[in-house]
Amino acid sequence: MENLRSPSDQLIKKLQWAWMIGFILLVLGIISWFIHLMLAALWLRDVPSAAIGIPLVAIPIFLALAGVVFYVFWGLAIRGRDR
């Protein structure tokens, strides 16, 4: 790992990691909630159109958003000190 110069740099790095881990947990929680909704609709023999249609659109959006956040975080972590 790179050599951090000051305590404020270490605090910023820890906050970046905490934000990244928190966001990934949020996305995983939303995806698991959507999967639970789909399974509950099928188990209750409910009309699955909304319970399946909305997650089929929302899950890729949340995954793409998580990918963008991870890409930005990784760019800051790797190339942030170079500039």
Protein backbone atom coordinates (compact mmCIF):
# COMPACT_ATOMS: atom_id res chain seq x y z
CA MET A 1 0.00 0.00 0.00
CA GLU A 2 1.20 3.50 -0.66
CA ASN A 3 2.90 5.56 1.97
CA LEU A 4 0.34 7.91 3.55
CA ARG A 5 1.74 11.26 4.62
CA SER A 6 -0.62 12.62 7.25
CA PRO A 7 -3.42 11.52 9.57
CA SER A 8 -5.92 13.38 7.37
CA ASP A 9 -4.85 11.25 4.39
CA GLN A 10 -5.44 8.13 6.45
CA LEU A 11 -8.85 9.41 7.55
CA ILE A 12 -9.84 10.16 3.96
CA LYS A 13 -8.72 6.70 2.85
CA LYS A 14 -10.73 5.04 5.65
CA LEU A 15 -13.80 7.12 4.79
CA GLN A 16 -13.46 6.13 1.13
CA TRP A 17 -13.32 2.45 2.07
CA ALA A 18 -16.27 2.80 4.44
CA TRP A 19 -18.33 4.56 1.77
CA MET A 20 -17.47 1.91 -0.82
CA ILE A 21 -18.29 -1.01 1.48
CA GLY A 22 -21.52 0.66 2.62
CA PHE A 23 -22.64 1.26 -0.95
CA ILE A 24 -21.93 -2.32 -1.98
CA LEU A 25 -23.89 -3.58 1.04
CA LEU A 26 -26.78 -1.29 0.09
CA VAL A 27 -26.86 -2.62 -3.47
CA LEU A 28 -26.68 -6.23 -2.28
CA GLY A 29 -29.48 -5.55 0.20
CA ILE A 30 -31.70 -4.05 -2.48
CA ILE A 31 -31.03 -6.95 -4.84
CA SER A 32 -31.79 -9.52 -2.15
CA TRP A 33 -35.00 -7.65 -1.28
CA PHE A 34 -36.07 -7.74 -4.94
CA ILE A 35 -35.34 -11.46 -5.14
CA HIS A 36 -37.38 -11.98 -1.98
CA LEU A 37 -40.27 -10.04 -3.57
CA MET A 38 -40.15 -12.21 -6.69
CA LEU A 39 -40.07 -15.44 -4.69
CA ALA A 40 -42.88 -14.27 -2.39
CA ALA A 41 -45.06 -13.39 -5.38
CA LEU A 42 -44.49 -16.80 -6.91
CA TRP A 43 -45.04 -18.58 -3.58
CA LEU A 44 -48.30 -16.70 -2.93
CA ARG A 45 -49.43 -17.33 -6.52
CA ASP A 46 -49.83 -13.60 -6.95
CA VAL A 47 -49.71 -11.81 -10.27
CA PRO A 48 -45.95 -11.75 -10.78
CA SER A 49 -45.86 -9.02 -13.44
CA ALA A 50 -44.91 -6.14 -11.12
CA ALA A 51 -42.99 -8.31 -8.66
CA ILE A 52 -40.82 -9.66 -11.46
CA GLY A 53 -40.88 -6.79 -13.97
CA ILE A 54 -39.62 -4.06 -11.66
CA PRO A 55 -36.65 -6.05 -10.29
CA LEU A 56 -35.68 -7.21 -13.79
CA VAL A 57 -35.20 -3.56 -14.70
CA ALA A 58 -33.90 -2.28 -11.36
CA ILE A 59 -31.28 -4.97 -10.61
CA PRO A 60 -29.13 -4.20 -13.70
CA ILE A 61 -29.42 -0.48 -12.96
CA PHE A 62 -28.16 -0.97 -9.40
CA LEU A 63 -25.37 -3.25 -10.63
CA ALA A 64 -24.31 -0.66 -13.22
CA LEU A 65 -24.37 2.06 -10.56
CA ALA A 66 -22.27 -0.12 -8.25
CA GLY A 67 -19.82 -0.70 -11.11
CA VAL A 68 -19.47 3.03 -11.73
CA VAL A 69 -18.91 3.73 -8.03
CA PHE A 70 -16.34 0.94 -7.84
CA TYR A 71 -14.58 2.23 -10.98
CA VAL A 72 -14.36 5.75 -9.56
CA PHE A 73 -13.19 4.47 -6.18
CA TRP A 74 -10.56 2.24 -7.76
CA GLY A 75 -9.34 5.15 -9.89
CA LEU A 76 -8.99 7.32 -6.82
CA ALA A 77 -7.29 4.58 -4.83
CA ILE A 78 -4.78 3.66 -7.55
CA ARG A 79 -4.17 6.89 -9.44
CA GLY A 80 -5.22 9.44 -6.84
CA ARG A 81 -1.76 9.77 -5.33
CA ASP A 82 -0.06 10.03 -8.75
CA ARG A 83 -1.52 13.45 -9.48
